[in-house]
N, C-alpha and C. Protein backbone atom coordinates (compact mmCIF):
# COMPACT_ATOMS: atom_id res chain seq x y z
N MET A 1 0.84 -1.20 0.00
CA MET A 1 0.00 0.00 0.00
C MET A 1 0.88 1.25 0.00
N CYS A 2 0.50 2.24 -0.81
CA CYS A 2 1.25 3.49 -0.91
C CYS A 2 0.96 4.40 0.27
N ILE A 3 1.99 5.08 0.74
CA ILE A 3 1.80 6.11 1.75
C ILE A 3 1.59 7.42 1.01
N ARG A 4 0.52 8.13 1.37
CA ARG A 4 0.20 9.40 0.73
C ARG A 4 0.23 10.52 1.76
N CYS A 5 0.23 11.75 1.26
CA CYS A 5 0.12 12.91 2.14
C CYS A 5 -1.14 12.79 2.99
N LYS A 6 -1.06 13.20 4.23
CA LYS A 6 -2.16 13.00 5.19
C LYS A 6 -3.43 13.78 4.85
N TRP A 7 -3.32 14.82 4.01
CA TRP A 7 -4.50 15.62 3.68
C TRP A 7 -5.44 14.92 2.68
N VAL A 8 -5.00 13.85 2.08
CA VAL A 8 -5.81 13.16 1.07
C VAL A 8 -6.91 12.35 1.72
N ASN A 9 -8.15 12.57 1.27
CA ASN A 9 -9.28 11.78 1.72
C ASN A 9 -9.27 10.48 0.92
N LEU A 10 -8.81 9.41 1.54
CA LEU A 10 -8.63 8.14 0.83
C LEU A 10 -9.94 7.51 0.37
N SER A 11 -11.06 7.94 0.94
CA SER A 11 -12.35 7.38 0.52
C SER A 11 -12.91 8.07 -0.73
N ASN A 12 -12.23 9.12 -1.18
CA ASN A 12 -12.67 9.86 -2.37
C ASN A 12 -11.70 9.57 -3.50
N LYS A 13 -12.13 8.75 -4.46
CA LYS A 13 -11.27 8.32 -5.57
C LYS A 13 -10.76 9.52 -6.38
N LEU A 14 -11.61 10.51 -6.57
CA LEU A 14 -11.23 11.71 -7.32
C LEU A 14 -10.08 12.44 -6.63
N TYR A 15 -10.17 12.53 -5.31
CA TYR A 15 -9.15 13.19 -4.51
C TYR A 15 -7.83 12.43 -4.57
N VAL A 16 -7.91 11.11 -4.45
CA VAL A 16 -6.72 10.26 -4.51
C VAL A 16 -6.04 10.41 -5.88
N GLU A 17 -6.84 10.38 -6.95
CA GLU A 17 -6.28 10.53 -8.30
C GLU A 17 -5.63 11.89 -8.48
N TYR A 18 -6.26 12.94 -7.94
CA TYR A 18 -5.70 14.29 -8.04
C TYR A 18 -4.33 14.32 -7.35
N HIS A 19 -4.25 13.77 -6.15
CA HIS A 19 -2.98 13.73 -5.43
C HIS A 19 -1.94 12.92 -6.19
N ASP A 20 -2.32 11.75 -6.66
CA ASP A 20 -1.38 10.80 -7.26
C ASP A 20 -0.91 11.19 -8.66
N ARG A 21 -1.76 11.90 -9.41
CA ARG A 21 -1.43 12.14 -10.82
C ARG A 21 -1.23 13.60 -11.20
N GLU A 22 -1.52 14.50 -10.27
CA GLU A 22 -1.51 15.90 -10.69
C GLU A 22 -0.83 16.84 -9.70
N TRP A 23 -1.19 16.76 -8.43
CA TRP A 23 -0.73 17.73 -7.43
C TRP A 23 0.79 17.71 -7.30
N GLY A 24 1.40 18.85 -7.49
CA GLY A 24 2.83 18.97 -7.33
C GLY A 24 3.65 18.76 -8.58
N ILE A 25 3.02 18.37 -9.67
CA ILE A 25 3.74 18.19 -10.93
C ILE A 25 3.82 19.55 -11.63
N PRO A 26 5.03 19.98 -12.02
CA PRO A 26 5.17 21.29 -12.65
C PRO A 26 4.30 21.46 -13.90
N VAL A 27 3.57 22.58 -13.92
CA VAL A 27 2.67 22.91 -15.02
C VAL A 27 3.24 24.13 -15.76
N HIS A 28 3.29 24.03 -17.09
CA HIS A 28 3.79 25.14 -17.89
C HIS A 28 2.79 25.56 -18.98
N ASP A 29 1.65 24.93 -19.01
CA ASP A 29 0.61 25.25 -19.98
C ASP A 29 -0.24 26.41 -19.42
N ASP A 30 -0.35 27.49 -20.18
CA ASP A 30 -1.05 28.68 -19.69
C ASP A 30 -2.52 28.43 -19.34
N ILE A 31 -3.21 27.64 -20.13
CA ILE A 31 -4.64 27.37 -19.83
C ILE A 31 -4.75 26.60 -18.52
N ARG A 32 -3.90 25.61 -18.32
CA ARG A 32 -3.92 24.85 -17.05
C ARG A 32 -3.56 25.74 -15.86
N LEU A 33 -2.60 26.64 -16.06
CA LEU A 33 -2.22 27.56 -14.99
C LEU A 33 -3.40 28.47 -14.64
N PHE A 34 -4.10 28.95 -15.67
CA PHE A 34 -5.26 29.80 -15.41
C PHE A 34 -6.36 29.01 -14.70
N GLU A 35 -6.58 27.78 -15.16
CA GLU A 35 -7.57 26.92 -14.52
C GLU A 35 -7.29 26.78 -13.02
N MET A 36 -6.06 26.47 -12.68
CA MET A 36 -5.73 26.28 -11.27
C MET A 36 -5.82 27.57 -10.48
N LEU A 37 -5.50 28.68 -11.10
CA LEU A 37 -5.64 29.98 -10.43
C LEU A 37 -7.11 30.26 -10.13
N VAL A 38 -7.98 29.97 -11.08
CA VAL A 38 -9.43 30.14 -10.89
C VAL A 38 -9.94 29.21 -9.80
N LEU A 39 -9.57 27.93 -9.88
CA LEU A 39 -10.08 26.96 -8.92
C LEU A 39 -9.58 27.22 -7.50
N GLU A 40 -8.34 27.62 -7.37
CA GLU A 40 -7.82 27.94 -6.03
C GLU A 40 -8.56 29.16 -5.46
N GLY A 41 -8.86 30.13 -6.31
CA GLY A 41 -9.64 31.29 -5.87
C GLY A 41 -11.06 30.90 -5.49
N ALA A 42 -11.63 29.98 -6.24
CA ALA A 42 -12.99 29.50 -5.95
C ALA A 42 -13.05 28.78 -4.62
N GLN A 43 -11.93 28.19 -4.22
CA GLN A 43 -11.88 27.42 -2.98
C GLN A 43 -11.97 28.30 -1.74
N ALA A 44 -11.62 29.57 -1.84
CA ALA A 44 -11.57 30.46 -0.67
C ALA A 44 -12.79 30.25 0.23
N GLY A 45 -12.55 29.84 1.47
CA GLY A 45 -13.62 29.60 2.44
C GLY A 45 -14.26 28.23 2.33
N LEU A 46 -13.81 27.42 1.39
CA LEU A 46 -14.39 26.08 1.17
C LEU A 46 -13.28 25.03 1.20
N SER A 47 -13.67 23.78 1.06
CA SER A 47 -12.66 22.71 1.01
C SER A 47 -12.25 22.47 -0.45
N TRP A 48 -11.02 21.98 -0.63
CA TRP A 48 -10.56 21.65 -1.98
C TRP A 48 -11.41 20.51 -2.56
N GLU A 49 -11.86 19.65 -1.71
CA GLU A 49 -12.70 18.53 -2.14
C GLU A 49 -13.97 19.03 -2.83
N THR A 50 -14.56 20.08 -2.28
CA THR A 50 -15.77 20.68 -2.87
C THR A 50 -15.48 21.18 -4.27
N VAL A 51 -14.37 21.88 -4.43
CA VAL A 51 -13.99 22.44 -5.73
C VAL A 51 -13.66 21.32 -6.72
N LEU A 52 -12.93 20.33 -6.26
CA LEU A 52 -12.53 19.23 -7.12
C LEU A 52 -13.74 18.50 -7.71
N LYS A 53 -14.78 18.33 -6.90
CA LYS A 53 -16.01 17.68 -7.37
C LYS A 53 -16.69 18.50 -8.47
N LYS A 54 -16.49 19.80 -8.45
CA LYS A 54 -17.14 20.70 -9.41
C LYS A 54 -16.24 21.07 -10.59
N ARG A 55 -15.05 20.53 -10.61
CA ARG A 55 -14.06 20.92 -11.61
C ARG A 55 -14.54 20.75 -13.05
N ASP A 56 -15.11 19.60 -13.38
CA ASP A 56 -15.60 19.38 -14.74
C ASP A 56 -16.70 20.37 -15.10
N ASN A 57 -17.56 20.67 -14.13
CA ASN A 57 -18.61 21.66 -14.37
C ASN A 57 -18.01 23.05 -14.62
N TYR A 58 -16.95 23.37 -13.89
CA TYR A 58 -16.26 24.64 -14.12
C TYR A 58 -15.69 24.70 -15.53
N ARG A 59 -15.10 23.61 -15.97
CA ARG A 59 -14.52 23.58 -17.32
C ARG A 59 -15.58 23.86 -18.38
N LYS A 60 -16.76 23.27 -18.20
CA LYS A 60 -17.84 23.51 -19.15
C LYS A 60 -18.38 24.93 -19.04
N ALA A 61 -18.63 25.36 -17.81
CA ALA A 61 -19.24 26.68 -17.58
C ALA A 61 -18.34 27.83 -18.02
N PHE A 62 -17.02 27.64 -17.88
CA PHE A 62 -16.07 28.71 -18.20
C PHE A 62 -15.25 28.41 -19.46
N ASP A 63 -15.91 27.80 -20.46
CA ASP A 63 -15.31 27.61 -21.78
C ASP A 63 -13.89 27.05 -21.73
N GLY A 64 -13.70 26.00 -20.94
CA GLY A 64 -12.39 25.37 -20.87
C GLY A 64 -11.31 26.26 -20.29
N PHE A 65 -11.73 27.27 -19.54
CA PHE A 65 -10.82 28.25 -18.92
C PHE A 65 -10.03 29.05 -19.94
N ASP A 66 -10.64 29.29 -21.08
CA ASP A 66 -10.00 30.09 -22.12
C ASP A 66 -10.17 31.58 -21.79
N PRO A 67 -9.11 32.27 -21.37
CA PRO A 67 -9.24 33.68 -20.97
C PRO A 67 -9.78 34.57 -22.09
N GLU A 68 -9.46 34.24 -23.35
CA GLU A 68 -9.92 35.05 -24.48
C GLU A 68 -11.45 35.01 -24.60
N LYS A 69 -12.05 33.89 -24.26
CA LYS A 69 -13.52 33.79 -24.27
C LYS A 69 -14.12 34.41 -23.02
N ILE A 70 -13.47 34.19 -21.89
CA ILE A 70 -14.01 34.65 -20.60
C ILE A 70 -14.08 36.17 -20.53
N VAL A 71 -13.11 36.87 -21.12
CA VAL A 71 -13.13 38.34 -21.06
C VAL A 71 -14.34 38.93 -21.78
N LYS A 72 -14.98 38.16 -22.61
CA LYS A 72 -16.16 38.64 -23.35
C LYS A 72 -17.47 38.42 -22.60
N TYR A 73 -17.41 37.81 -21.42
CA TYR A 73 -18.62 37.56 -20.65
C TYR A 73 -19.28 38.87 -20.25
N ASP A 74 -20.60 38.90 -20.42
CA ASP A 74 -21.37 40.10 -20.06
C ASP A 74 -22.28 39.80 -18.87
N ASP A 75 -23.12 40.75 -18.50
CA ASP A 75 -24.01 40.59 -17.35
C ASP A 75 -24.94 39.39 -17.52
N LYS A 76 -25.39 39.15 -18.75
CA LYS A 76 -26.28 38.01 -19.01
C LYS A 76 -25.55 36.70 -18.69
N LYS A 77 -24.30 36.60 -19.09
CA LYS A 77 -23.51 35.39 -18.84
C LYS A 77 -23.26 35.23 -17.33
N ILE A 78 -23.01 36.33 -16.65
CA ILE A 78 -22.80 36.27 -15.19
C ILE A 78 -24.06 35.73 -14.51
N GLU A 79 -25.22 36.22 -14.92
CA GLU A 79 -26.49 35.74 -14.35
C GLU A 79 -26.70 34.26 -14.64
N GLU A 80 -26.33 33.85 -15.84
CA GLU A 80 -26.43 32.43 -16.23
C GLU A 80 -25.53 31.58 -15.31
N LEU A 81 -24.32 32.05 -15.07
CA LEU A 81 -23.39 31.32 -14.20
C LEU A 81 -23.90 31.26 -12.77
N LEU A 82 -24.55 32.32 -12.33
CA LEU A 82 -25.10 32.35 -10.97
C LEU A 82 -26.24 31.35 -10.78
N GLN A 83 -26.82 30.89 -11.87
CA GLN A 83 -27.90 29.89 -11.81
C GLN A 83 -27.38 28.46 -11.98
N ASN A 84 -26.08 28.34 -12.23
CA ASN A 84 -25.49 27.03 -12.52
C ASN A 84 -25.15 26.31 -11.21
N PRO A 85 -25.89 25.24 -10.87
CA PRO A 85 -25.63 24.52 -9.61
C PRO A 85 -24.33 23.72 -9.63
N GLY A 86 -23.71 23.59 -10.80
CA GLY A 86 -22.49 22.82 -10.93
C GLY A 86 -21.23 23.56 -10.51
N ILE A 87 -21.37 24.87 -10.27
CA ILE A 87 -20.21 25.66 -9.83
C ILE A 87 -20.55 26.35 -8.50
N ILE A 88 -19.57 27.02 -7.93
CA ILE A 88 -19.81 27.78 -6.71
C ILE A 88 -20.43 29.11 -7.12
N ARG A 89 -21.67 29.31 -6.71
CA ARG A 89 -22.44 30.46 -7.19
C ARG A 89 -22.25 31.67 -6.28
N ASN A 90 -21.10 32.25 -6.39
CA ASN A 90 -20.74 33.43 -5.62
C ASN A 90 -20.43 34.54 -6.63
N ARG A 91 -21.21 35.60 -6.60
CA ARG A 91 -21.07 36.67 -7.59
C ARG A 91 -19.65 37.24 -7.62
N LEU A 92 -19.06 37.48 -6.45
CA LEU A 92 -17.71 38.06 -6.41
C LEU A 92 -16.68 37.12 -7.04
N LYS A 93 -16.82 35.83 -6.75
CA LYS A 93 -15.87 34.86 -7.32
C LYS A 93 -16.05 34.75 -8.83
N ILE A 94 -17.28 34.76 -9.30
CA ILE A 94 -17.54 34.67 -10.75
C ILE A 94 -17.00 35.91 -11.46
N LYS A 95 -17.27 37.09 -10.90
CA LYS A 95 -16.77 38.32 -11.51
C LYS A 95 -15.24 38.37 -11.48
N SER A 96 -14.65 37.79 -10.44
CA SER A 96 -13.19 37.79 -10.37
C SER A 96 -12.58 36.95 -11.49
N VAL A 97 -13.26 35.90 -11.92
CA VAL A 97 -12.74 35.08 -13.02
C VAL A 97 -12.60 35.94 -14.28
N ILE A 98 -13.60 36.78 -14.54
CA ILE A 98 -13.57 37.65 -15.72
C ILE A 98 -12.46 38.70 -15.57
N LYS A 99 -12.42 39.33 -14.42
CA LYS A 99 -11.40 40.34 -14.13
C LYS A 99 -10.00 39.73 -14.22
N ASN A 100 -9.85 38.54 -13.65
CA ASN A 100 -8.54 37.88 -13.67
C ASN A 100 -8.14 37.44 -15.08
N ALA A 101 -9.13 37.09 -15.90
CA ALA A 101 -8.83 36.74 -17.30
C ALA A 101 -8.25 37.94 -18.03
N GLU A 102 -8.79 39.12 -17.76
CA GLU A 102 -8.27 40.34 -18.39
C GLU A 102 -6.82 40.58 -17.97
N SER A 103 -6.54 40.45 -16.68
CA SER A 103 -5.18 40.63 -16.18
C SER A 103 -4.24 39.55 -16.71
N PHE A 104 -4.76 38.33 -16.78
CA PHE A 104 -3.98 37.20 -17.29
C PHE A 104 -3.51 37.48 -18.72
N ILE A 105 -4.40 37.97 -19.55
CA ILE A 105 -4.07 38.28 -20.95
C ILE A 105 -3.02 39.39 -21.01
N ARG A 106 -3.17 40.40 -20.17
CA ARG A 106 -2.17 41.49 -20.14
C ARG A 106 -0.79 40.95 -19.73
N ILE A 107 -0.78 40.02 -18.76
CA ILE A 107 0.50 39.41 -18.35
C ILE A 107 1.10 38.62 -19.51
N GLN A 108 0.25 37.89 -20.23
CA GLN A 108 0.74 37.15 -21.40
C GLN A 108 1.34 38.11 -22.43
N GLU A 109 0.70 39.25 -22.62
CA GLU A 109 1.21 40.24 -23.57
C GLU A 109 2.56 40.78 -23.11
N ASP A 110 2.71 41.00 -21.80
CA ASP A 110 3.96 41.56 -21.26
C ASP A 110 5.10 40.55 -21.23
N PHE A 111 4.79 39.27 -21.00
CA PHE A 111 5.83 38.26 -20.80
C PHE A 111 5.88 37.20 -21.91
N GLY A 112 4.98 37.27 -22.87
CA GLY A 112 4.92 36.25 -23.91
C GLY A 112 4.01 35.10 -23.52
N ARG A 113 4.13 34.66 -22.27
CA ARG A 113 3.29 33.61 -21.71
C ARG A 113 3.16 33.85 -20.22
N PHE A 114 2.03 33.43 -19.64
CA PHE A 114 1.87 33.53 -18.19
C PHE A 114 2.90 32.64 -17.50
N ASP A 115 3.19 31.53 -18.13
CA ASP A 115 4.18 30.59 -17.61
C ASP A 115 5.51 31.30 -17.31
N ALA A 116 5.97 32.15 -18.22
CA ALA A 116 7.23 32.87 -18.03
C ALA A 116 7.13 33.81 -16.83
N PHE A 117 5.98 34.44 -16.68
CA PHE A 117 5.78 35.36 -15.56
C PHE A 117 5.81 34.61 -14.22
N ILE A 118 5.04 33.54 -14.10
CA ILE A 118 4.86 32.89 -12.80
C ILE A 118 6.10 32.12 -12.36
N TRP A 119 6.78 31.49 -13.30
CA TRP A 119 7.94 30.68 -12.95
C TRP A 119 9.19 31.51 -12.67
N GLN A 120 9.18 32.78 -13.08
CA GLN A 120 10.34 33.63 -12.79
C GLN A 120 10.55 33.81 -11.28
N PHE A 121 9.49 33.68 -10.51
CA PHE A 121 9.58 33.89 -9.06
C PHE A 121 10.42 32.82 -8.36
N VAL A 122 10.64 31.68 -9.05
CA VAL A 122 11.48 30.61 -8.50
C VAL A 122 12.64 30.30 -9.46
N ASN A 123 13.00 31.29 -10.28
CA ASN A 123 14.08 31.11 -11.26
C ASN A 123 13.87 29.89 -12.14
N ASN A 124 12.61 29.64 -12.48
CA ASN A 124 12.23 28.55 -13.38
C ASN A 124 12.60 27.16 -12.88
N LYS A 125 12.75 27.03 -11.58
CA LYS A 125 13.09 25.71 -10.99
C LYS A 125 12.21 25.48 -9.77
N PRO A 126 11.48 24.34 -9.74
CA PRO A 126 10.61 24.06 -8.59
C PRO A 126 11.38 24.02 -7.28
N LEU A 127 10.73 24.50 -6.23
CA LEU A 127 11.31 24.46 -4.89
C LEU A 127 11.05 23.09 -4.27
N GLU A 128 12.05 22.54 -3.63
CA GLU A 128 11.94 21.25 -2.93
C GLU A 128 12.00 21.53 -1.43
N ASN A 129 10.90 21.33 -0.73
CA ASN A 129 10.90 21.64 0.69
C ASN A 129 11.33 20.49 1.59
N GLY A 130 10.86 19.29 1.35
CA GLY A 130 11.28 18.15 2.15
C GLY A 130 10.71 18.12 3.56
N TYR A 131 9.43 18.49 3.69
CA TYR A 131 8.80 18.42 5.01
C TYR A 131 8.43 16.99 5.35
N LYS A 132 8.63 16.63 6.61
CA LYS A 132 8.31 15.27 7.06
C LYS A 132 6.86 15.14 7.49
N LYS A 133 6.30 16.21 8.06
CA LYS A 133 4.93 16.16 8.59
C LYS A 133 4.08 17.26 7.98
N LEU A 134 2.81 16.96 7.84
CA LEU A 134 1.84 17.92 7.30
C LEU A 134 1.87 19.23 8.08
N GLU A 135 2.03 19.13 9.38
CA GLU A 135 2.01 20.32 10.25
C GLU A 135 3.17 21.28 9.96
N GLU A 136 4.22 20.79 9.34
CA GLU A 136 5.39 21.63 9.04
C GLU A 136 5.16 22.51 7.81
N ILE A 137 4.25 22.10 6.96
CA ILE A 137 4.04 22.81 5.69
C ILE A 137 3.35 24.15 5.95
N PRO A 138 3.94 25.24 5.46
CA PRO A 138 3.34 26.57 5.69
C PRO A 138 2.12 26.79 4.81
N SER A 139 1.32 27.77 5.17
CA SER A 139 0.17 28.12 4.34
C SER A 139 0.53 29.25 3.36
N LYS A 140 1.71 29.84 3.56
CA LYS A 140 2.22 30.86 2.65
C LYS A 140 3.71 31.04 2.94
N ASN A 141 4.39 31.75 2.04
CA ASN A 141 5.80 32.05 2.25
C ASN A 141 6.14 33.38 1.57
N ASN A 142 7.40 33.75 1.59
CA ASN A 142 7.81 35.03 0.98
C ASN A 142 7.52 35.08 -0.51
N ILE A 143 7.66 33.94 -1.18
CA ILE A 143 7.41 33.90 -2.63
C ILE A 143 5.93 34.07 -2.92
N SER A 144 5.08 33.37 -2.18
CA SER A 144 3.63 33.55 -2.40
C SER A 144 3.21 34.98 -2.06
N ASP A 145 3.86 35.58 -1.07
CA ASP A 145 3.60 37.00 -0.75
C ASP A 145 3.93 37.88 -1.95
N SER A 146 5.09 37.64 -2.56
CA SER A 146 5.53 38.45 -3.71
C SER A 146 4.62 38.26 -4.92
N ILE A 147 4.27 37.01 -5.21
CA ILE A 147 3.39 36.73 -6.35
C ILE A 147 2.03 37.38 -6.12
N SER A 148 1.48 37.20 -4.92
CA SER A 148 0.18 37.77 -4.58
C SER A 148 0.19 39.29 -4.77
N LYS A 149 1.21 39.93 -4.25
CA LYS A 149 1.34 41.39 -4.36
C LYS A 149 1.38 41.83 -5.82
N GLU A 150 2.16 41.10 -6.63
CA GLU A 150 2.30 41.45 -8.05
C GLU A 150 0.99 41.23 -8.81
N LEU A 151 0.30 40.11 -8.53
CA LEU A 151 -0.96 39.84 -9.22
C LEU A 151 -2.03 40.87 -8.84
N LYS A 152 -2.07 41.25 -7.58
CA LYS A 152 -3.02 42.29 -7.14
C LYS A 152 -2.70 43.61 -7.82
N LYS A 153 -1.43 43.93 -7.91
CA LYS A 153 -1.00 45.17 -8.57
C LYS A 153 -1.44 45.18 -10.04
N ARG A 154 -1.50 43.97 -10.62
CA ARG A 154 -1.88 43.84 -12.02
C ARG A 154 -3.40 43.67 -12.20
N GLY A 155 -4.16 43.83 -11.09
CA GLY A 155 -5.61 43.86 -11.18
C GLY A 155 -6.36 42.60 -10.82
N MET A 156 -5.68 41.58 -10.36
CA MET A 156 -6.36 40.32 -10.02
C MET A 156 -6.94 40.36 -8.60
N SER A 157 -7.95 39.52 -8.39
CA SER A 157 -8.54 39.36 -7.06
C SER A 157 -8.65 37.88 -6.74
N PHE A 158 -8.92 37.56 -5.48
CA PHE A 158 -8.90 36.19 -4.98
C PHE A 158 -7.53 35.55 -5.24
N VAL A 159 -6.50 36.35 -4.97
CA VAL A 159 -5.12 35.90 -5.16
C VAL A 159 -4.27 36.27 -3.94
N GLY A 160 -4.86 36.12 -2.75
CA GLY A 160 -4.11 36.37 -1.52
C GLY A 160 -2.97 35.36 -1.39
N SER A 161 -2.05 35.64 -0.49
CA SER A 161 -0.85 34.82 -0.36
C SER A 161 -1.15 33.35 -0.06
N THR A 162 -2.16 33.07 0.76
CA THR A 162 -2.51 31.67 1.08
C THR A 162 -3.06 30.96 -0.15
N ILE A 163 -3.90 31.64 -0.92
CA ILE A 163 -4.44 31.08 -2.16
C ILE A 163 -3.29 30.82 -3.14
N ILE A 164 -2.38 31.77 -3.24
CA ILE A 164 -1.26 31.62 -4.17
C ILE A 164 -0.33 30.49 -3.73
N TYR A 165 -0.13 30.32 -2.43
CA TYR A 165 0.72 29.20 -2.00
C TYR A 165 0.08 27.86 -2.38
N ALA A 166 -1.22 27.75 -2.19
CA ALA A 166 -1.94 26.53 -2.60
C ALA A 166 -1.81 26.32 -4.11
N PHE A 167 -1.88 27.40 -4.87
CA PHE A 167 -1.68 27.35 -6.33
C PHE A 167 -0.28 26.85 -6.65
N MET A 168 0.73 27.39 -5.95
CA MET A 168 2.12 26.98 -6.16
C MET A 168 2.29 25.48 -5.91
N GLN A 169 1.64 24.97 -4.86
CA GLN A 169 1.70 23.55 -4.56
C GLN A 169 1.04 22.73 -5.67
N ALA A 170 -0.13 23.19 -6.09
CA ALA A 170 -0.91 22.45 -7.09
C ALA A 170 -0.18 22.35 -8.42
N VAL A 171 0.47 23.44 -8.86
CA VAL A 171 1.10 23.45 -10.19
C VAL A 171 2.60 23.15 -10.13
N GLY A 172 3.06 22.64 -8.99
CA GLY A 172 4.43 22.16 -8.89
C GLY A 172 5.51 23.22 -8.80
N ILE A 173 5.14 24.45 -8.53
CA ILE A 173 6.16 25.47 -8.30
C ILE A 173 6.93 25.11 -7.03
N VAL A 174 6.24 24.43 -6.13
CA VAL A 174 6.85 23.90 -4.92
C VAL A 174 6.42 22.44 -4.75
N ASN A 175 7.35 21.58 -4.36
CA ASN A 175 7.03 20.18 -4.07
C ASN A 175 6.80 20.07 -2.57
N ASP A 176 5.54 20.06 -2.17
CA ASP A 176 5.19 19.96 -0.76
C ASP A 176 4.60 18.61 -0.38
N HIS A 177 4.83 17.60 -1.20
CA HIS A 177 4.50 16.24 -0.75
C HIS A 177 5.39 15.97 0.45
N CYS A 178 4.85 15.37 1.48
CA CYS A 178 5.66 14.99 2.64
C CYS A 178 6.68 13.94 2.20
N THR A 179 7.81 13.90 2.86
CA THR A 179 8.90 13.03 2.42
C THR A 179 8.57 11.54 2.48
N ASP A 180 7.58 11.15 3.29
CA ASP A 180 7.20 9.74 3.33
C ASP A 180 6.14 9.38 2.29
N CYS A 181 5.63 10.39 1.58
CA CYS A 181 4.63 10.16 0.52
C CYS A 181 5.33 9.55 -0.69
N PHE A 182 4.69 8.58 -1.32
CA PHE A 182 5.31 7.90 -2.45
C PHE A 182 5.54 8.83 -3.64
N ARG A 183 4.85 9.98 -3.68
CA ARG A 183 5.02 10.92 -4.78
C ARG A 183 6.23 11.85 -4.60
N TYR A 184 6.67 12.03 -3.36
CA TYR A 184 7.73 13.00 -3.09
C TYR A 184 9.00 12.73 -3.92
N ASP A 185 9.54 11.53 -3.80
CA ASP A 185 10.79 11.22 -4.52
C ASP A 185 10.61 11.22 -6.03
N LYS A 186 9.45 10.75 -6.50
CA LYS A 186 9.20 10.72 -7.94
C LYS A 186 9.22 12.13 -8.52
N ILE A 187 8.55 13.05 -7.83
CA ILE A 187 8.52 14.43 -8.32
C ILE A 187 9.89 15.09 -8.16
N LYS A 188 10.54 14.82 -7.04
CA LYS A 188 11.88 15.38 -6.83
C LYS A 188 12.84 14.95 -7.95
N LYS A 189 12.81 13.68 -8.31
CA LYS A 189 13.68 13.18 -9.39
C LYS A 189 13.31 13.84 -10.72
N GLN A 190 12.03 13.96 -10.98
CA GLN A 190 11.57 14.59 -12.22
C GLN A 190 12.04 16.05 -12.27
N ASN A 191 12.00 16.74 -11.13
CA ASN A 191 12.39 18.15 -11.07
C ASN A 191 13.90 18.34 -11.24
N GLN A 192 14.67 17.30 -11.01
CA GLN A 192 16.14 17.40 -11.12
C GLN A 192 16.64 17.17 -12.54
N LYS A 193 15.76 16.75 -13.42
CA LYS A 193 16.16 16.48 -14.82
C LYS A 193 16.51 17.77 -15.53
């Protein structure tokens, strides 16, 4: 039997698959990065499990997380999204997706890709923390503080330092699998290539 990070709900197959196949693996695709930024923001005040269950619905409701399509959303589309039981129906969070898509596109214009912007904060190399226990893992750090500050300056919302640290963990900017987790060494080796 594999040892996994203690935060994984082993009775939820979707959660186990997310941990085993996705969490902590470096992401460089702009659409995936935007997706995770949106989903981490949607999680604010809720559990990741709740968001994960709604992920496919989010993909459908938000046009595959295509920022070019999302920036065109009008009041009618916002009202339609507010009626969608498959997503988190919070007006501020929905409006932030549109606002963040606008900022995301501007960042792409400035840096060529969002990937270039976000990975510069770690010199394009994932951070390896090597925590032994879940309790040791921080909810934010100096890098998430810097990213959060920069994204807010560029007009984004729902990008506080704690949200950004969770984003960093999800997209592999930091490897926060505990050292006894079977994924820790696999990701560490992959990151050293």
